[in-house]
Amino acid sequence: MPYIRRLPSGLYQATVRMPNGKRVTETNRLKSVVDKWARQQEAKFAAGDVRDPNAGKIKVSDWYARWTKARLVEGPTKAKNASLWATHCQPKWGDWPMQAVQRVDAQAWVGELIETRRVRHKGRAVSPFADQDEIPTLAASTIHDIVYLMGSMYRAAMKENPPVVLVNPFGDLDLPRRNAKSVEFYERAEAQALYAAVEELHGPGWRTLVELGMDVGLRPGELYGLHGHRVDWMRGLLAVVEVQTREGLRAYPKSMKSNRVVPVPALTLAGMSRLMQGRGRMERVFTAPGGGLIDDGNFRDRIWYPSIEEAGIRRFPPRIMRHTAASWLVQDGVPLYDVQSLLGHESFTTTQRYAHLAPDAHEKVVQSWRRRASGDAR
């Protein structure tokens, strides 16, 4: 039976005991309201519903804190989610009760995201005094990531026993279409200009790092985490194992196929050997100017982008090294499966993005045109 009492404030409070022994309460100035609420709860519990009626009142920010603490995710993913939450999700939803968010609210928010300008553009933080018309809006892929984060939170809340909420307002929303992007890469003349600029501004060691990225296609974190004992100096091979992340050194690569052994060009290997002279084989091949760990942000801002400006070439982030390596190899006729193995792509679909660059990619089409042209000529 529910227990109803009148508080010193004059309000009425109903208390109901849940099946798990926990007590839940509801307060109102009318006794009839709390009495009706109490009877509804008892009817639900009698029918087998064990959900706490107050569970959905938890704020979105409080649930995010609990959910994030319990999740088992990699450091880079955790950092990315934290950035998306702090920039886009928390300001909008942090103070909302979980159960108060409806699908129409979530869909309206997607519209707001579509109109949102980026906080970084071309590798730089956007100045508050910049012309907003010159700053692009959020990419469709970024909006998908933001909504996926909120949806994941709600899916986890629905899986609780008893569930925190019963529906996911961020599921199955109408999102902007993610259009396929053309593969960008540096032409060889651009790469040579970049090599020269890097060496002139920062020294031959940094040129060796960029050459390794351009030819072998290692990810930036794989370059920064490379240790001397992972290099087979006699056979010109290196094993990709440790990876430098924003959270520190990780003792394993991104995926199973990212753990690989790859060849190194002779000139690049010689440059790496010079860097290791006088140092222990267990030390890193590439280090920061002071001898410490390479920070990805510092590399971009202090080494990469100044060198690009000096070289006078197109401005791309450091991951262009990986796209360039794959593009050059496919253009030279290297089979896609070999490129997949070299770059450590988990899915062959990722490697197929470069298929159009193969020398014979359109050969059959061109031959068909030639046959038709010769037939017309007759």
Protein backbone atom coordinates (compact mmCIF):
# COMPACT_ATOMS: atom_id res chain seq x y z
CA MET A 1 0.00 0.00 0.00
CA PRO A 2 1.28 3.50 -0.73
CA TYR A 3 2.09 5.80 2.13
CA ILE A 4 0.80 9.37 1.81
CA ARG A 5 1.69 12.16 4.21
CA ARG A 6 1.40 15.90 4.41
CA LEU A 7 4.71 17.74 4.63
CA PRO A 8 5.33 20.79 6.86
CA SER A 9 5.29 22.85 3.67
CA GLY A 10 1.68 21.88 3.12
CA LEU A 11 2.47 19.66 0.12
CA TYR A 12 1.42 16.03 -0.05
CA GLN A 13 4.00 13.31 -0.63
CA ALA A 14 3.29 9.73 -1.70
CA THR A 15 5.84 6.96 -1.11
CA VAL A 16 5.77 3.64 -2.94
CA ARG A 17 8.08 0.68 -2.39
CA MET A 18 9.49 -0.84 -5.60
CA PRO A 19 9.94 -4.61 -6.04
CA ASN A 20 13.64 -4.24 -5.28
CA GLY A 21 12.88 -2.58 -1.95
CA LYS A 22 13.79 0.93 -3.06
CA ARG A 23 11.33 3.69 -2.16
CA VAL A 24 10.20 6.29 -4.69
CA THR A 25 8.25 9.44 -3.96
CA GLU A 26 6.12 12.04 -5.67
CA THR A 27 5.15 15.44 -4.25
CA ASN A 28 2.27 17.74 -5.17
CA ARG A 29 0.03 20.33 -3.55
CA LEU A 30 -3.01 18.11 -4.25
CA LYS A 31 -3.48 14.87 -2.39
CA SER A 32 -5.52 13.43 -5.23
CA VAL A 33 -2.59 13.84 -7.63
CA VAL A 34 -0.06 11.98 -5.50
CA ASP A 35 -2.64 9.34 -4.63
CA LYS A 36 -3.31 8.71 -8.33
CA TRP A 37 0.42 8.57 -9.03
CA ALA A 38 0.99 6.06 -6.23
CA ARG A 39 -1.77 3.76 -7.43
CA GLN A 40 -0.42 3.90 -10.99
CA GLN A 41 3.03 2.88 -9.78
CA GLU A 42 1.69 -0.01 -7.74
CA ALA A 43 -0.31 -1.19 -10.76
CA LYS A 44 2.82 -1.09 -12.93
CA PHE A 45 4.86 -3.02 -10.37
CA ALA A 46 2.10 -5.61 -10.03
CA ALA A 47 2.17 -6.05 -13.83
CA GLY A 48 5.91 -6.76 -13.73
CA ASP A 49 7.30 -3.31 -14.58
CA VAL A 50 10.24 -2.77 -12.23
CA ARG A 51 11.46 0.51 -13.69
CA ASP A 52 12.12 3.36 -11.28
CA PRO A 53 9.69 6.14 -12.26
CA ASN A 54 12.35 8.72 -11.35
CA ALA A 55 15.14 7.07 -13.36
CA GLY A 56 14.55 9.15 -16.46
CA LYS A 57 14.83 12.37 -14.48
CA ILE A 58 18.62 12.03 -14.33
CA LYS A 59 20.27 14.85 -16.26
CA VAL A 60 21.94 14.01 -19.55
CA SER A 61 25.28 15.35 -18.28
CA ASP A 62 25.12 13.13 -15.18
CA TRP A 63 24.34 10.06 -17.25
CA TYR A 64 27.16 10.94 -19.67
CA ALA A 65 29.61 11.02 -16.75
CA ARG A 66 28.47 7.59 -15.50
CA TRP A 67 28.37 6.09 -18.98
CA THR A 68 31.81 7.41 -19.98
CA LYS A 69 33.41 6.13 -16.80
CA ALA A 70 32.06 2.62 -17.41
CA ARG A 71 32.95 2.36 -21.12
CA LEU A 72 35.96 0.42 -22.40
CA VAL A 73 37.20 2.45 -25.37
CA GLU A 74 40.62 3.34 -26.75
CA GLY A 75 42.27 6.59 -25.72
CA PRO A 76 41.93 8.32 -29.12
CA THR A 77 38.24 7.43 -29.32
CA LYS A 78 37.70 8.63 -25.77
CA ALA A 79 39.42 11.94 -26.56
CA LYS A 80 37.38 12.40 -29.73
CA ASN A 81 34.11 11.70 -27.92
CA ALA A 82 35.06 14.06 -25.11
CA SER A 83 35.69 16.83 -27.64
CA LEU A 84 32.38 16.23 -29.43
CA TRP A 85 30.53 16.17 -26.11
CA ALA A 86 32.11 19.36 -24.75
CA THR A 87 31.74 21.30 -28.01
CA HIS A 88 28.35 20.23 -29.31
CA CYS A 89 26.38 17.97 -26.94
CA GLN A 90 26.85 19.29 -23.41
CA PRO A 91 25.92 22.93 -24.17
CA LYS A 92 22.65 21.76 -25.77
CA TRP A 93 21.58 18.74 -23.71
CA GLY A 94 23.61 18.75 -20.48
CA ASP A 95 20.86 20.16 -18.25
CA TRP A 96 17.97 18.23 -19.83
CA PRO A 97 16.41 15.27 -17.95
CA MET A 98 16.99 12.12 -19.99
CA GLN A 99 13.29 11.41 -20.38
CA ALA A 100 12.47 14.97 -21.45
CA VAL A 101 14.27 14.77 -24.81
CA GLN A 102 11.92 13.90 -27.64
CA ARG A 103 12.67 12.94 -31.20
CA VAL A 104 11.37 16.25 -32.54
CA ASP A 105 13.88 18.06 -30.28
CA ALA A 106 16.72 15.87 -31.52
CA GLN A 107 15.76 16.38 -35.16
CA ALA A 108 15.62 20.14 -34.70
CA TRP A 109 19.11 19.98 -33.19
CA VAL A 110 20.40 18.25 -36.33
CA GLY A 111 19.19 21.27 -38.26
CA GLU A 112 21.17 23.51 -35.92
CA LEU A 113 24.30 21.40 -36.41
CA ILE A 114 24.00 21.67 -40.17
CA GLU A 115 24.24 25.46 -39.82
CA THR A 116 27.09 25.35 -37.27
CA ARG A 117 30.47 26.75 -38.36
CA ARG A 118 33.68 24.83 -37.68
CA VAL A 119 35.95 25.87 -34.82
CA ARG A 120 39.04 24.82 -36.82
CA HIS A 121 39.65 25.34 -40.51
CA LYS A 122 42.69 24.38 -42.59
CA GLY A 123 44.54 23.23 -39.51
CA ARG A 124 44.04 26.49 -37.60
CA ALA A 125 41.69 27.61 -34.85
CA VAL A 126 39.07 29.97 -36.29
CA SER A 127 39.48 33.54 -35.10
CA PRO A 128 36.39 35.11 -33.51
CA PHE A 129 36.97 38.05 -35.85
CA ALA A 130 37.00 35.92 -39.00
CA ASP A 131 34.37 36.41 -41.69
CA GLN A 132 31.84 33.69 -40.88
CA ASP A 133 30.91 33.34 -44.54
CA GLU A 134 34.46 32.14 -45.17
CA ILE A 135 34.26 29.42 -42.50
CA PRO A 136 32.66 26.16 -43.69
CA THR A 137 29.92 24.45 -41.71
CA LEU A 138 30.36 21.11 -39.96
CA ALA A 139 31.02 18.19 -42.26
CA ALA A 140 28.25 15.63 -42.63
CA SER A 141 30.54 12.97 -41.18
CA THR A 142 31.08 15.10 -38.06
CA ILE A 143 27.32 15.51 -37.58
CA HIS A 144 26.91 11.74 -37.90
CA ASP A 145 29.59 11.25 -35.20
CA ILE A 146 27.91 13.75 -32.86
CA VAL A 147 24.47 12.17 -33.21
CA TYR A 148 25.96 8.69 -32.88
CA LEU A 149 27.51 9.69 -29.55
CA MET A 150 24.16 10.83 -28.18
CA GLY A 151 22.42 7.78 -29.56
CA SER A 152 24.99 5.49 -27.94
CA MET A 153 24.35 7.11 -24.57
CA TYR A 154 20.62 6.50 -24.86
CA ARG A 155 21.06 2.93 -26.11
CA ALA A 156 23.15 2.19 -23.05
CA ALA A 157 20.51 3.77 -20.81
CA MET A 158 17.84 1.56 -22.39
CA LYS A 159 19.90 -1.57 -21.70
CA GLU A 160 20.04 -0.93 -17.96
CA ASN A 161 17.95 -3.21 -15.78
CA PRO A 162 15.63 -1.60 -15.06
CA PRO A 163 16.04 0.79 -18.00
CA VAL A 164 16.78 4.45 -17.38
CA VAL A 165 14.72 5.47 -20.42
CA LEU A 166 12.45 3.51 -22.71
CA VAL A 167 13.14 5.21 -26.06
CA ASN A 168 16.14 6.62 -27.92
CA PRO A 169 15.20 10.03 -29.39
CA PHE A 170 18.48 10.13 -31.36
CA GLY A 171 17.82 6.90 -33.22
CA ASP A 172 16.83 6.89 -36.89
CA LEU A 173 17.05 10.65 -37.37
CA ASP A 174 17.20 12.32 -40.78
CA LEU A 175 20.90 13.20 -41.15
CA PRO A 176 22.81 15.01 -43.90
CA ARG A 177 24.12 12.74 -46.60
CA ARG A 178 27.80 11.86 -46.45
CA ASN A 179 29.11 12.41 -49.95
CA ALA A 180 32.07 10.45 -51.21
CA LYS A 181 35.20 12.58 -51.37
CA SER A 182 37.79 12.41 -54.08
CA VAL A 183 41.16 11.06 -52.99
CA GLU A 184 43.65 13.90 -52.56
CA PHE A 185 47.40 13.32 -52.72
CA TYR A 186 50.59 15.21 -53.47
CA GLU A 187 52.13 15.03 -56.90
CA ARG A 188 55.79 14.04 -56.94
CA ALA A 189 56.96 17.58 -57.65
CA GLU A 190 55.00 18.81 -54.64
CA ALA A 191 56.50 16.10 -52.46
CA GLN A 192 60.05 17.01 -53.54
CA ALA A 193 59.36 20.67 -52.72
CA LEU A 194 58.03 19.63 -49.32
CA TYR A 195 61.07 17.43 -48.59
CA ALA A 196 63.40 20.30 -49.38
CA ALA A 197 61.42 22.76 -47.24
CA VAL A 198 61.27 20.38 -44.26
CA GLU A 199 65.01 19.80 -44.42
CA GLU A 200 65.82 23.48 -44.81
CA LEU A 201 63.59 24.61 -41.94
CA HIS A 202 63.89 21.72 -39.52
CA GLY A 203 66.74 19.41 -40.52
CA PRO A 204 67.29 16.09 -42.30
CA GLY A 205 65.72 14.03 -39.49
CA TRP A 206 62.29 15.52 -40.09
CA ARG A 207 62.72 15.04 -43.83
CA THR A 208 63.34 11.35 -43.19
CA LEU A 209 60.11 11.12 -41.18
CA VAL A 210 58.10 12.75 -43.97
CA GLU A 211 59.72 10.56 -46.63
CA LEU A 212 58.84 7.45 -44.63
CA GLY A 213 55.24 8.61 -44.38
CA MET A 214 55.03 9.44 -48.08
CA ASP A 215 56.59 6.19 -49.34
CA VAL A 216 55.42 3.58 -46.82
CA GLY A 217 52.14 5.15 -45.72
CA LEU A 218 52.56 4.81 -41.97
CA ARG A 219 50.00 6.66 -39.89
CA PRO A 220 51.42 9.66 -37.97
CA GLY A 221 51.12 7.80 -34.66
CA GLU A 222 52.95 4.83 -36.16
CA LEU A 223 55.77 7.13 -37.26
CA TYR A 224 56.07 8.77 -33.84
CA GLY A 225 55.96 5.43 -32.01
CA LEU A 226 58.57 3.62 -34.12
CA HIS A 227 61.44 2.18 -32.03
CA GLY A 228 64.87 1.19 -33.27
CA HIS A 229 64.51 -2.48 -32.32
CA ARG A 230 61.44 -2.72 -34.58
CA VAL A 231 63.61 -2.06 -37.64
CA ASP A 232 65.40 -4.89 -39.45
CA TRP A 233 68.34 -2.82 -40.61
CA MET A 234 69.88 -5.62 -42.69
CA ARG A 235 66.78 -6.53 -44.70
CA GLY A 236 65.22 -3.05 -44.85
CA LEU A 237 62.01 -3.90 -43.01
CA LEU A 238 60.18 -2.44 -40.04
CA ALA A 239 57.47 -3.86 -37.81
CA VAL A 240 54.53 -1.62 -36.89
CA VAL A 241 53.79 -2.31 -33.22
CA GLU A 242 53.85 0.67 -30.83
CA VAL A 243 51.74 3.71 -31.68
CA GLN A 244 51.97 7.20 -30.20
CA THR A 245 48.54 8.58 -29.26
CA ARG A 246 47.34 11.70 -27.47
CA GLU A 247 47.08 9.56 -24.35
CA GLY A 248 50.69 8.36 -24.62
CA LEU A 249 52.41 5.32 -26.15
CA ARG A 250 50.10 2.41 -26.96
CA ALA A 251 51.72 -1.02 -27.12
CA TYR A 252 49.63 -2.20 -30.06
CA PRO A 253 48.43 -0.70 -33.38
CA LYS A 254 44.96 0.34 -34.47
CA SER A 255 43.71 -3.09 -35.60
CA MET A 256 44.86 -6.64 -36.28
CA LYS A 257 45.92 -5.83 -39.83
CA SER A 258 47.69 -2.69 -38.67
CA ASN A 259 50.19 -4.97 -36.90
CA ARG A 260 52.36 -5.57 -39.92
CA VAL A 261 55.89 -5.75 -41.34
CA VAL A 262 56.62 -3.38 -44.24
CA PRO A 263 59.63 -2.56 -46.45
CA VAL A 264 61.53 0.72 -46.24
CA PRO A 265 63.23 2.51 -49.19
CA ALA A 266 67.02 2.33 -49.01
CA LEU A 267 67.62 6.09 -48.81
CA THR A 268 65.00 6.51 -46.08
CA LEU A 269 66.48 3.57 -44.17
CA ALA A 270 69.90 5.23 -44.36
CA GLY A 271 68.44 8.44 -42.95
CA MET A 272 66.83 6.50 -40.09
CA SER A 273 70.16 4.78 -39.39
CA ARG A 274 71.89 8.15 -39.05
CA LEU A 275 69.26 9.24 -36.54
CA MET A 276 69.96 6.17 -34.40
CA GLN A 277 73.73 6.67 -34.26
CA GLY A 278 74.92 6.89 -30.64
CA ARG A 279 71.53 5.85 -29.29
CA GLY A 280 70.21 2.60 -27.85
CA ARG A 281 68.30 0.27 -30.13
CA MET A 282 65.29 0.39 -27.79
CA GLU A 283 64.89 4.15 -28.25
CA ARG A 284 62.55 5.85 -30.69
CA VAL A 285 63.73 6.60 -34.19
CA PHE A 286 61.99 9.98 -34.34
CA THR A 287 61.89 12.35 -31.37
CA ALA A 288 60.94 15.93 -30.62
CA PRO A 289 63.65 18.61 -30.93
CA GLY A 290 64.47 18.30 -27.23
CA GLY A 291 64.61 14.53 -27.41
CA GLY A 292 61.17 13.84 -25.99
CA LEU A 293 57.99 12.43 -27.48
CA ILE A 294 56.55 13.94 -30.63
CA ASP A 295 53.23 15.65 -30.02
CA ASP A 296 50.86 15.44 -32.98
CA GLY A 297 49.65 19.02 -32.56
CA ASN A 298 53.16 20.42 -32.25
CA PHE A 299 54.26 18.51 -35.34
CA ARG A 300 51.40 19.92 -37.38
CA ASP A 301 51.80 23.51 -36.20
CA ARG A 302 55.59 23.79 -35.90
CA ILE A 303 56.92 21.40 -38.54
CA TRP A 304 54.29 20.40 -41.09
CA TYR A 305 52.34 23.55 -41.92
CA PRO A 306 55.34 25.94 -41.89
CA SER A 307 57.09 23.59 -44.33
CA ILE A 308 54.04 23.53 -46.59
CA GLU A 309 53.95 27.32 -46.67
CA GLU A 310 57.68 27.43 -47.41
CA ALA A 311 57.26 24.91 -50.23
CA GLY A 312 54.31 26.81 -51.69
CA ILE A 313 52.20 23.69 -52.22
CA ARG A 314 48.58 22.76 -51.46
CA ARG A 315 47.73 22.75 -47.75
CA PHE A 316 46.70 19.34 -46.41
CA PRO A 317 46.99 17.83 -42.92
CA PRO A 318 49.72 15.23 -42.23
CA ARG A 319 47.45 12.29 -43.08
CA ILE A 320 47.97 13.29 -46.74
CA MET A 321 51.26 11.36 -46.46
CA ARG A 322 49.31 8.11 -46.17
CA HIS A 323 47.00 8.96 -49.09
CA THR A 324 50.01 9.94 -51.17
CA ALA A 325 51.80 6.66 -50.50
CA ALA A 326 48.76 4.63 -51.55
CA SER A 327 48.08 6.77 -54.63
CA TRP A 328 51.66 6.57 -55.94
CA LEU A 329 51.79 2.81 -55.51
CA VAL A 330 48.49 2.21 -57.31
CA GLN A 331 49.53 4.57 -60.11
CA ASP A 332 52.71 2.51 -60.51
CA GLY A 333 50.66 -0.65 -60.97
CA VAL A 334 51.00 -2.19 -57.49
CA PRO A 335 47.99 -4.50 -56.89
CA LEU A 336 45.40 -3.20 -54.44
CA TYR A 337 45.81 -6.19 -52.14
CA ASP A 338 49.51 -5.39 -51.78
CA VAL A 339 48.65 -1.77 -50.99
CA GLN A 340 46.14 -2.95 -48.39
CA SER A 341 48.81 -5.07 -46.74
CA LEU A 342 51.33 -2.24 -46.75
CA LEU A 343 48.99 0.34 -45.26
CA GLY A 344 47.27 -2.05 -42.85
CA HIS A 345 43.73 -1.35 -44.00
CA GLU A 346 41.30 -3.53 -42.06
CA SER A 347 38.80 -3.52 -44.93
CA PHE A 348 39.57 -3.92 -48.62
CA THR A 349 36.81 -1.39 -49.29
CA THR A 350 39.09 1.29 -47.86
CA THR A 351 41.83 0.39 -50.33
CA GLN A 352 39.41 0.38 -53.25
CA ARG A 353 39.15 4.17 -52.92
CA TYR A 354 42.41 4.27 -54.91
CA ALA A 355 41.37 1.78 -57.61
CA HIS A 356 40.66 4.50 -60.18
CA LEU A 357 44.34 5.48 -60.12
CA ALA A 358 45.52 2.13 -61.50
CA PRO A 359 47.17 2.42 -64.96
CA ASP A 360 44.69 -0.02 -66.50
CA ALA A 361 41.65 1.12 -64.50
CA HIS A 362 39.76 2.18 -67.66
CA GLU A 363 41.66 0.18 -70.23
CA LYS A 364 38.70 -1.96 -71.33
CA VAL A 365 36.52 1.12 -71.71
CA VAL A 366 39.15 2.86 -73.83
CA GLN A 367 39.59 -0.26 -75.97
CA SER A 368 35.82 -0.37 -76.55
CA TRP A 369 35.86 3.22 -77.73
CA ARG A 370 38.75 2.46 -80.07
CA ARG A 371 36.95 -0.53 -81.58
CA ARG A 372 33.81 1.53 -82.15
CA ALA A 373 35.85 4.38 -83.63
CA SER A 374 37.65 2.06 -86.03
CA GLY A 375 34.31 0.50 -87.00
CA ASP A 376 32.83 3.94 -87.70
CA ALA A 377 35.86 4.78 -89.81
CA ARG A 378 35.18 1.76 -92.01
